[in-house]
Protein backbone atom coordinates (compact mmCIF):
# COMPACT_ATOMS: atom_id res chain seq x y z
CA MET A 1 -6.56 48.33 -8.55
CA GLU A 2 -9.99 47.65 -9.97
CA ALA A 3 -10.61 44.88 -7.45
CA LEU A 4 -9.63 47.18 -4.59
CA LEU A 5 -11.93 49.94 -5.85
CA LYS A 6 -14.78 47.47 -6.16
CA VAL A 7 -14.36 46.47 -2.51
CA MET A 8 -13.96 50.07 -1.38
CA ARG A 9 -17.07 51.11 -3.28
CA HIS A 10 -19.17 48.83 -1.11
CA TRP A 11 -17.26 48.78 2.18
CA GLY A 12 -15.23 51.99 2.08
CA ALA A 13 -17.91 54.15 3.69
CA PRO A 14 -18.43 51.89 6.74
CA ALA A 15 -14.67 51.55 7.13
CA ALA A 16 -14.23 55.34 6.94
CA ALA A 17 -17.00 55.76 9.54
CA VAL A 18 -15.28 53.40 11.97
CA LEU A 19 -11.95 55.17 11.42
CA PHE A 20 -13.59 58.60 11.88
CA PHE A 21 -15.22 57.58 15.14
CA THR A 22 -12.09 55.87 16.49
CA LEU A 23 -9.76 58.79 15.76
CA TRP A 24 -12.08 61.25 17.47
CA CYS A 25 -12.36 59.07 20.54
CA VAL A 26 -8.56 58.78 20.72
CA ALA A 27 -8.05 62.53 20.14
CA GLU A 28 -10.59 63.55 22.80
CA ALA A 29 -9.82 60.79 25.30
CA GLY A 30 -8.40 63.22 27.83
CA ARG A 31 -11.25 65.72 27.51
CA MET A 32 -14.27 63.43 27.52
CA GLY A 33 -14.48 63.18 31.30
CA PRO A 34 -15.85 59.91 32.63
CA GLY A 35 -16.89 58.74 29.14
CA LEU A 36 -18.92 59.36 26.00
CA HIS A 37 -22.17 59.62 27.93
CA THR A 38 -20.99 62.87 29.58
CA TRP A 39 -19.16 64.39 26.61
CA GLU A 40 -21.07 67.17 24.81
CA GLY A 41 -19.75 66.11 21.40
CA THR A 42 -21.13 62.56 21.64
CA TRP A 43 -24.32 63.11 19.62
CA PRO A 44 -22.66 65.16 16.88
CA LEU A 45 -19.97 62.46 16.57
CA ILE A 46 -22.54 59.64 16.44
CA LEU A 47 -24.68 61.42 13.82
CA MET A 48 -21.71 62.27 11.60
CA THR A 49 -20.40 58.70 11.91
CA ALA A 50 -23.81 57.38 10.79
CA ALA A 51 -23.83 59.87 7.90
CA ILE A 52 -20.48 58.54 6.65
CA ALA A 53 -21.43 54.87 7.14
CA LEU A 54 -24.64 55.16 5.05
CA ALA A 55 -23.32 57.51 2.36
CA ALA A 56 -22.70 54.80 -0.24
CA TRP A 57 -25.79 52.70 0.48
CA LYS A 58 -28.43 55.26 1.51
CA PRO A 59 -27.28 58.72 0.36
CA TYR A 60 -30.52 60.50 1.25
CA VAL A 61 -30.53 58.98 4.75
CA SER A 62 -26.93 60.14 5.11
CA LEU A 63 -27.92 63.70 4.18
CA GLY A 64 -30.78 63.39 6.63
CA PHE A 65 -28.41 62.67 9.53
CA THR A 66 -26.43 65.84 8.76
CA ALA A 67 -29.61 67.89 8.45
CA GLY A 68 -30.89 66.41 11.70
CA LEU A 69 -27.71 67.36 13.55
CA LEU A 70 -27.82 70.97 12.35
CA ALA A 71 -31.56 71.29 13.00
CA GLY A 72 -31.11 69.85 16.50
CA GLN A 73 -28.33 72.32 17.31
CA LEU A 74 -30.31 75.26 15.97
CA GLY A 75 -33.22 74.16 18.16
CA ASN A 76 -30.93 73.64 21.15
CA ALA A 77 -31.91 69.96 21.28
CA ILE A 78 -28.29 68.97 20.66
CA PRO A 79 -25.38 70.82 22.26
CA ALA A 80 -23.54 73.20 19.96
CA MET A 81 -19.93 72.57 18.99
CA HIS A 82 -17.22 73.58 21.39
CA ALA A 83 -13.97 75.15 20.26
CA ASN A 84 -12.13 71.83 20.39
CA HIS A 85 -14.58 69.64 18.43
CA TRP A 86 -16.19 71.81 15.75
CA ALA A 87 -14.29 69.76 13.12
CA ILE A 88 -16.79 66.93 13.63
CA TYR A 89 -18.75 68.80 10.95
CA LEU A 90 -16.15 67.59 8.42
CA GLY A 91 -17.76 64.14 8.60
CA SER A 92 -20.57 65.45 6.38
CA PHE A 93 -17.99 66.34 3.71
CA VAL A 94 -16.48 62.84 3.91
CA ALA A 95 -19.99 61.47 3.36
CA LEU A 96 -20.32 63.83 0.37
CA ALA A 97 -17.21 62.26 -1.18
CA PHE A 98 -18.75 58.78 -1.04
CA ILE A 99 -22.05 60.07 -2.44
CA GLN A 100 -20.26 61.69 -5.38
CA TRP A 101 -18.42 58.44 -5.97
CA THR A 102 -21.25 55.93 -5.80
CA ALA A 103 -24.55 57.76 -6.42
CA GLY A 104 -26.29 58.68 -9.63
CA ARG A 105 -26.11 62.04 -11.36
CA ARG A 106 -29.32 63.43 -9.88
CA THR A 107 -28.36 62.40 -6.35
CA ARG A 108 -24.95 64.00 -6.80
CA PHE A 109 -26.50 67.36 -7.64
CA ILE A 110 -28.92 67.13 -4.73
CA ALA A 111 -26.08 66.25 -2.34
CA ALA A 112 -23.95 69.15 -3.61
CA GLY A 113 -26.80 71.64 -3.16
CA ALA A 114 -27.60 70.31 0.30
CA THR A 115 -23.93 70.62 1.30
CA VAL A 116 -23.93 74.32 0.38
CA VAL A 117 -26.92 74.82 2.69
CA PHE A 118 -25.23 72.75 5.39
CA ALA A 119 -22.07 74.86 5.13
CA GLY A 120 -24.12 78.02 5.63
CA ALA A 121 -25.80 76.54 8.72
CA MET A 122 -22.44 75.42 10.09
CA THR A 123 -21.02 78.91 9.59
CA PHE A 124 -23.92 80.44 11.49
CA LEU A 125 -23.64 77.93 14.35
CA MET A 126 -19.90 78.43 14.72
CA LEU A 127 -19.92 82.25 14.60
CA SER A 128 -23.17 83.21 16.31
CA TRP A 129 -22.63 84.23 19.94
CA ARG A 130 -25.89 82.46 20.78
CA TYR A 131 -24.41 79.03 19.94
CA SER A 132 -20.66 79.29 19.57
CA ALA A 133 -17.90 79.18 22.12
CA GLY A 134 -15.33 80.06 19.46
CA VAL A 135 -13.97 78.04 16.56
CA GLY A 136 -10.47 77.66 17.85
CA TRP A 137 -8.49 80.37 16.10
CA PHE A 138 -10.33 83.34 17.68
CA PRO A 139 -12.26 83.79 20.93
CA PRO A 140 -16.05 84.22 21.13
CA LEU A 141 -17.25 87.64 20.04
CA TYR A 142 -20.15 89.29 21.80
CA MET A 143 -20.40 92.30 19.52
CA GLY A 144 -23.45 91.02 17.65
CA ASP A 145 -23.99 88.51 14.86
CA ARG A 146 -24.15 91.14 12.13
CA TRP A 147 -20.64 92.46 12.82
CA THR A 148 -19.26 88.95 13.30
CA PHE A 149 -20.69 87.58 10.05
CA ARG A 150 -19.55 90.65 8.13
CA ALA A 151 -16.01 90.26 9.45
CA PHE A 152 -15.54 86.48 9.45
CA GLY A 153 -18.59 84.85 7.86
CA TRP A 154 -17.34 84.80 4.25
CA GLN A 155 -13.96 83.45 5.37
CA LEU A 156 -15.41 80.52 7.32
CA PHE A 157 -18.11 79.78 4.70
CA SER A 158 -15.49 79.80 1.93
CA LEU A 159 -13.24 77.50 3.93
CA LEU A 160 -16.04 75.00 4.51
CA LEU A 161 -17.02 75.08 0.82
CA LEU A 162 -13.38 74.56 -0.16
CA ILE A 163 -13.12 71.48 2.05
CA ALA A 164 -16.44 70.17 0.70
CA ALA A 165 -15.32 70.77 -2.90
CA ALA A 166 -12.06 68.91 -2.28
CA CYS A 167 -13.92 65.91 -0.86
CA ALA A 168 -16.44 65.97 -3.72
CA ALA A 169 -13.58 66.16 -6.24
CA VAL A 170 -12.01 63.04 -4.77
CA GLY A 171 -15.32 61.17 -5.06
CA LEU A 172 -15.88 62.33 -8.65
CA ALA A 173 -12.32 61.39 -9.58
CA LEU A 174 -12.88 57.86 -8.31
CA ALA A 175 -16.19 57.65 -10.19
CA LEU A 176 -14.56 58.85 -13.43
CA PHE A 177 -11.70 56.40 -12.97
CA GLU A 178 -14.16 53.52 -12.62
CA GLU A 179 -16.16 54.75 -15.61
CA ARG A 180 -12.97 54.99 -17.65
CA GLY A 181 -12.11 51.41 -16.73
CA SER A 182 -15.62 50.28 -17.71
CA LEU A 183 -15.28 52.02 -21.07
CA PHE A 184 -11.94 50.34 -21.69
CA ARG A 185 -13.42 46.96 -20.84
CA ALA A 186 -16.41 47.62 -23.10
CA ARG A 187 -14.09 48.65 -25.92
CA THR A 188 -12.00 45.52 -25.44
CA MET A 189 -15.11 43.34 -25.47
CA ALA A 190 -16.39 45.12 -28.58
CA GLN A 191 -13.07 44.62 -30.35
CA THR A 192 -13.02 40.96 -29.35
CA SER A 193 -16.59 40.48 -30.56
CA LEU A 194 -15.76 42.27 -33.80
CA ARG A 195 -12.79 40.01 -34.42
CA GLU A 196 -14.87 36.93 -33.67
CA ALA A 197 -17.63 38.17 -35.97
CA GLU A 198 -15.07 38.83 -38.68
CA VAL A 199 -13.69 35.32 -38.35
CA GLU A 200 -17.20 33.85 -38.40
CA LEU A 201 -18.04 35.91 -41.48
CA ILE A 202 -14.92 34.71 -43.28
CA VAL A 203 -15.72 31.12 -42.34
CA GLU A 204 -19.34 31.53 -43.46
CA GLN A 205 -18.27 33.08 -46.75
CA GLU A 206 -15.84 30.25 -47.34
CA ARG A 207 -18.50 27.71 -46.41
CA THR A 208 -20.91 29.34 -48.86
CA ARG A 209 -18.28 29.34 -51.60
CA ILE A 210 -17.49 25.69 -50.97
CA GLY A 211 -21.19 24.88 -51.01
CA ARG A 212 -21.72 26.65 -54.33
CA ASP A 213 -18.65 25.00 -55.82
CA LEU A 214 -19.86 21.64 -54.61
CA HIS A 215 -23.30 22.29 -56.07
CA ASP A 216 -21.82 23.33 -59.44
CA VAL A 217 -19.64 20.22 -59.57
CA LEU A 218 -22.52 17.95 -58.64
CA ALA A 219 -24.89 19.69 -61.05
CA HIS A 220 -22.51 19.23 -63.98
CA SER A 221 -21.64 15.64 -63.13
CA LEU A 222 -25.21 14.56 -62.46
CA ALA A 223 -26.50 16.30 -65.58
CA VAL A 224 -23.94 14.44 -67.67
CA ILE A 225 -24.89 11.14 -66.03
CA ALA A 226 -28.60 11.72 -66.64
CA ALA A 227 -28.05 12.80 -70.25
CA GLN A 228 -25.80 9.84 -71.00
CA ALA A 229 -28.20 7.39 -69.41
CA ASP A 230 -31.21 8.78 -71.32
CA GLY A 231 -29.28 8.93 -74.58
CA THR A 232 -28.10 5.35 -74.19
CA ARG A 233 -31.64 4.20 -73.33
CA TYR A 234 -33.19 5.86 -76.41
CA LEU A 235 -30.46 4.58 -78.77
CA SER A 236 -30.60 1.02 -77.42
CA LYS A 237 -34.25 0.02 -77.83
CA ASP A 238 -33.24 -3.56 -78.67
CA GLN A 239 -31.51 -4.09 -75.34
CA PRO A 240 -33.13 -6.29 -72.67
CA ARG A 241 -35.81 -4.66 -70.56
CA ALA A 242 -33.66 -4.99 -67.45
CA VAL A 243 -30.93 -2.88 -69.04
CA LEU A 244 -33.42 -0.21 -70.08
CA ASN A 245 -34.92 -0.15 -66.59
CA ALA A 246 -31.47 0.24 -65.06
CA LEU A 247 -30.67 3.14 -67.40
CA GLU A 248 -34.01 4.74 -66.58
CA ASN A 249 -33.33 4.40 -62.85
CA ILE A 250 -29.90 5.95 -63.29
CA ALA A 251 -31.32 8.94 -65.16
CA THR A 252 -34.18 9.44 -62.68
CA SER A 253 -31.89 9.21 -59.68
CA ALA A 254 -29.43 11.68 -61.21
CA ARG A 255 -32.17 14.22 -61.92
CA SER A 256 -33.57 13.89 -58.40
CA ALA A 257 -30.11 14.19 -56.84
CA LEU A 258 -29.44 17.29 -58.93
CA VAL A 259 -32.44 19.08 -57.43
CA ASP A 260 -31.88 17.76 -53.90
CA ALA A 261 -28.24 18.89 -53.80
CA GLN A 262 -29.34 22.49 -53.23
CA ARG A 263 -31.68 21.42 -50.42
CA VAL A 264 -28.96 19.45 -48.64
CA ILE A 265 -26.39 22.27 -48.94
CA GLU A 266 -28.84 24.90 -47.69
CA GLY A 267 -30.03 22.80 -44.77
CA VAL A 268 -26.69 22.12 -43.11
CA HIS A 269 -26.04 24.00 -39.86
CA ASP A 270 -22.61 25.16 -38.75
CA ASP A 271 -22.36 22.04 -36.59
CA GLY A 272 -23.05 19.82 -39.57
CA VAL A 273 -26.56 18.77 -38.50
CA VAL A 274 -29.10 18.71 -41.31
CA THR A 275 -32.25 20.61 -40.39
CA PRO A 276 -35.73 19.61 -41.57
CA GLN A 277 -36.69 21.61 -44.64
CA PRO A 278 -40.20 22.90 -45.42
CA GLN A 279 -42.35 20.92 -47.87
CA LEU A 280 -45.59 21.60 -49.71
CA SER A 281 -47.53 20.44 -46.68
CA ASP A 282 -46.13 23.47 -44.83
CA VAL A 283 -47.69 25.96 -47.25
CA GLY A 284 -51.07 25.75 -45.47
CA PRO A 285 -49.69 26.68 -42.02
CA LEU A 286 -47.63 29.46 -43.63
CA VAL A 287 -50.74 30.96 -45.23
CA ALA A 288 -52.64 30.62 -41.95
CA ARG A 289 -49.93 32.55 -40.11
CA MET A 290 -49.95 35.32 -42.70
CA GLN A 291 -53.75 35.67 -42.68
CA ASP A 292 -53.48 38.09 -39.77
CA SER A 293 -51.55 40.53 -41.97
CA LEU A 294 -52.75 39.74 -45.49
CA ALA A 295 -56.08 38.87 -47.09
CA ILE A 296 -54.97 35.64 -48.79
CA GLU A 297 -57.21 33.63 -51.11
CA GLN A 298 -55.75 30.18 -51.80
CA SER A 299 -56.95 27.72 -54.42
CA GLU A 300 -55.79 24.66 -56.38
CA SER A 301 -56.73 22.98 -59.64
CA GLY A 302 -55.83 19.57 -61.01
CA ALA A 303 -54.60 16.53 -59.14
CA PRO A 304 -51.44 17.12 -57.07
CA ALA A 305 -48.48 15.15 -58.42
CA GLY A 306 -45.25 14.13 -56.80
CA LEU A 307 -42.42 16.62 -56.58
CA SER A 308 -39.01 15.89 -55.20
CA ALA A 309 -38.05 17.24 -51.78
CA GLY A 310 -35.87 19.91 -53.39
CA GLN A 311 -38.67 21.07 -55.68
CA GLN A 312 -41.11 21.25 -52.78
CA LEU A 313 -38.61 23.37 -50.85
CA ALA A 314 -38.25 25.71 -53.84
CA VAL A 315 -42.06 26.13 -54.10
CA PHE A 316 -42.37 26.83 -50.38
CA ARG A 317 -39.59 29.43 -50.36
CA ILE A 318 -40.99 31.18 -53.42
CA ILE A 319 -44.48 31.39 -51.86
CA GLN A 320 -42.92 32.65 -48.61
CA GLU A 321 -40.99 35.36 -50.48
CA CYS A 322 -44.09 36.43 -52.45
CA LEU A 323 -46.17 36.82 -49.28
CA THR A 324 -43.35 38.70 -47.55
CA ASN A 325 -43.01 41.08 -50.50
CA ALA A 326 -46.77 41.67 -50.59
CA LEU A 327 -46.75 42.65 -46.92
CA LYS A 328 -43.60 44.74 -47.32
CA HIS A 329 -44.75 46.75 -50.33
CA GLY A 330 -48.52 46.66 -49.90
CA GLY A 331 -48.87 46.84 -46.13
CA ARG A 332 -51.32 45.11 -43.83
CA GLY A 333 -54.59 43.98 -45.36
CA THR A 334 -53.20 43.65 -48.91
CA ALA A 335 -55.25 41.22 -50.99
CA VAL A 336 -53.23 38.26 -52.28
CA ARG A 337 -54.44 35.45 -54.55
CA LEU A 338 -52.45 32.19 -54.46
CA HIS A 339 -53.25 29.46 -56.99
CA LEU A 340 -51.51 26.12 -57.61
CA ASP A 341 -52.25 24.51 -60.97
CA TRP A 342 -51.33 20.81 -61.25
CA SER A 343 -53.01 20.19 -64.61
CA GLY A 344 -49.95 20.65 -66.87
CA PRO A 345 -46.63 18.84 -67.22
CA GLY A 346 -45.59 20.46 -63.95
CA LEU A 347 -46.81 22.66 -61.13
CA THR A 348 -47.70 26.22 -62.17
CA LEU A 349 -47.82 28.67 -59.31
CA HIS A 350 -49.69 31.99 -59.66
CA VAL A 351 -49.37 34.72 -57.01
CA ALA A 352 -51.07 38.09 -57.49
CA SER A 353 -51.07 40.94 -54.99
CA GLY A 354 -52.38 44.50 -55.02
CA ILE A 355 -50.03 47.34 -55.93
CA PRO A 356 -50.06 50.28 -53.48
CA ALA A 357 -51.14 53.70 -54.71
CA ALA A 358 -47.58 55.02 -54.52
CA ALA A 359 -46.64 52.57 -57.28
CA ASP A 360 -48.99 54.01 -59.89
CA ASN A 361 -46.05 55.85 -61.38
CA PRO A 362 -44.00 53.19 -63.26
CA ASP A 363 -40.78 55.20 -63.03
CA ARG A 364 -41.13 55.55 -59.27
CA ALA A 365 -41.99 51.88 -58.95
CA ALA A 366 -38.85 51.00 -60.85
CA GLU A 367 -36.81 52.99 -58.38
CA THR A 368 -38.40 51.63 -55.21
CA ARG A 369 -39.02 47.98 -55.99
CA VAL A 370 -35.66 46.71 -57.18
CA GLY A 371 -34.43 44.15 -54.68
CA ARG A 372 -32.79 40.79 -54.19
CA GLY A 373 -35.89 38.70 -53.60
CA LEU A 374 -36.74 37.98 -57.22
CA ALA A 375 -33.17 37.03 -58.06
CA GLY A 376 -33.25 34.38 -55.34
CA MET A 377 -36.69 33.17 -56.44
CA ARG A 378 -35.53 32.84 -60.06
CA GLU A 379 -32.48 30.91 -58.94
CA ARG A 380 -34.61 28.50 -56.92
CA ALA A 381 -36.99 27.98 -59.84
CA HIS A 382 -34.04 27.40 -62.18
CA LEU A 383 -32.40 24.89 -59.84
CA ALA A 384 -35.72 23.04 -59.66
CA GLY A 385 -35.72 22.84 -63.48
CA GLY A 386 -38.36 25.52 -64.05
CA TRP A 387 -38.73 29.23 -64.75
CA MET A 388 -40.37 32.31 -63.28
CA THR A 389 -41.87 35.57 -64.53
CA ALA A 390 -42.72 38.58 -62.40
CA GLY A 391 -43.98 42.11 -62.96
CA PRO A 392 -46.92 44.53 -62.65
CA ASP A 393 -50.14 43.71 -64.49
CA GLY A 394 -52.60 46.54 -64.20
CA GLU A 395 -53.42 47.07 -60.54
CA GLN A 396 -51.76 43.84 -59.47
CA TYR A 397 -48.27 42.46 -59.24
CA ARG A 398 -48.11 38.94 -60.64
CA VAL A 399 -45.57 36.19 -60.13
CA THR A 400 -45.80 33.01 -62.20
CA VAL A 401 -43.61 30.00 -61.52
CA PHE A 402 -43.43 26.69 -63.36
CA ILE A 403 -41.82 23.65 -61.74
CA PRO A 404 -41.79 20.60 -64.05
CA TYR A 405 -41.95 16.99 -62.99
CA GLY A 406 -38.36 16.60 -64.12
CA THR A 407 -35.26 18.71 -64.63
CA MET A 408 -33.42 20.79 -67.26
CA ILE A 409 -30.45 19.10 -68.91
CA ASP A 410 -28.37 20.70 -71.68
CA GLY A 411 -31.14 23.07 -72.75
CA ARG A 412 -33.80 20.33 -72.98
CA MET A 413 -36.49 19.54 -70.45
CA ILE A 414 -36.63 15.85 -69.55
CA ALA A 415 -40.22 15.73 -68.32
CA ASP A 416 -40.91 12.84 -66.00
CA ALA A 417 -44.36 12.12 -67.28
CA GLY A 418 -44.41 8.90 -65.33
CA ALA A 419 -44.78 10.95 -62.17
CA VAL A 420 -48.31 11.79 -63.39
CA THR A 421 -49.46 9.20 -65.87
CA GLY A 422 -46.96 6.36 -65.58
CA ALA A 423 -45.88 6.88 -69.21
CA GLU A 424 -42.35 6.84 -70.53
CA PRO A 425 -40.25 9.99 -69.99
CA VAL A 426 -40.27 12.24 -73.06
CA LEU A 427 -37.91 14.92 -74.35
CA VAL A 428 -39.49 18.38 -74.48
CA PRO A 429 -37.88 20.96 -76.83
CA ALA A 430 -36.25 23.86 -75.00
CA GLY A 431 -38.45 26.41 -76.78
CA SER A 432 -41.75 24.85 -75.78
CA PRO A 433 -43.92 26.38 -73.04
CA ALA A 434 -42.98 23.57 -70.67
CA ALA A 435 -39.31 24.52 -70.91
CA ARG A 436 -39.41 28.31 -71.05
CA PRO A 437 -36.20 30.02 -69.94
CA ASP A 438 -36.17 32.61 -67.18
CA VAL A 439 -37.96 35.71 -68.43
CA SER A 440 -39.51 38.68 -66.73
CA LEU A 441 -42.51 40.85 -67.47
CA GLY A 442 -40.27 43.80 -66.75
CA GLU A 443 -37.16 44.17 -64.67
CA ALA A 444 -38.46 47.59 -63.58
CA GLY A 445 -41.21 45.78 -61.73
CA ASP A 446 -38.86 43.67 -59.65
CA ARG A 447 -39.40 43.90 -55.96
CA GLY A 448 -37.84 41.86 -53.19
């Protein structure tokens, strides 16, 4: 049914025009005389046929053919209808049906209004003694147009409008049927998309859960390996140097793998392809891109030391989140100071941004700035073996992050001092500044 309607929508009007013309030629074959060129209804038939043929493609041209026919008859340029072929006027109502079916809303209203005018002109042409030879069911009246219109005008006008309304109703019914089918198809597609999205969400949730479980298992196992290797190395000072070096390599590799596990899990696409992850070298381009929106002042102190790939990713993501939050809460042009300090046992990152005027009220700030960003930043810092503090400080919002050259194992920081000085790794007490746990300058100041 839908395929048939689609074909009829494009080719129905020309087909109806051919049928209209053919039936009239067959019906009037005995009254046309020698041929169409001598028949007085030839031009009305041709114009109405053209009006039907172009109704679906050029609705305004179709209306123009009907208007041209009526204007030509009123001006005596085209012969008026005879009693046996006045029904050629019905071709304009067939054209109206196709216009109501295929045209837009505005064109439909214009066509309906024009048809009312056309019906009035047709009534005048068929009843006026100046043009009409009778309409078939009563003879011509020569008693004056006023008496004729008063007696029969409303009847003929109402009949023409009734025929036009019936044709228009058919066209609108077809249009509504097609629209209903389109809505059903759209609903089906939406339901299908929703089911697919639901399946994808379930798969993604399961993938995330598996990734977190895998990370937890690896983190525990690798932490135990690193702790056992370091403990054995410190308790076995009299062992050969090769054994101590092997234990040191085991501990270092375990700590590095512990940090990189998060990077590998995060960087896997749905198709299993590992995507390149940002590093510290990408911080400069990030700041350059954000300079159009923020007034960023970047600086460094100390000599940059080596961080693992996972730690570099954590630093990049934290800086990215800080700049995003500054733009989100402070707006364009917010001043941001970014400082990387390499002088300690690890990288200390300081990010300070201006607090908007609306945040002067601490209670209001506590209501509007609570978000998920800081929780993710703290988790990244923790997975990299460090800590983070965040909160308002006067007229600025400060974020401080420490990423050590090592990792946290069983509450103790195993600082890889060799990454900076080449010295032996040392155990740092958990309460020392280099191994501070996650703290905050005030949860009310969280924003993300």
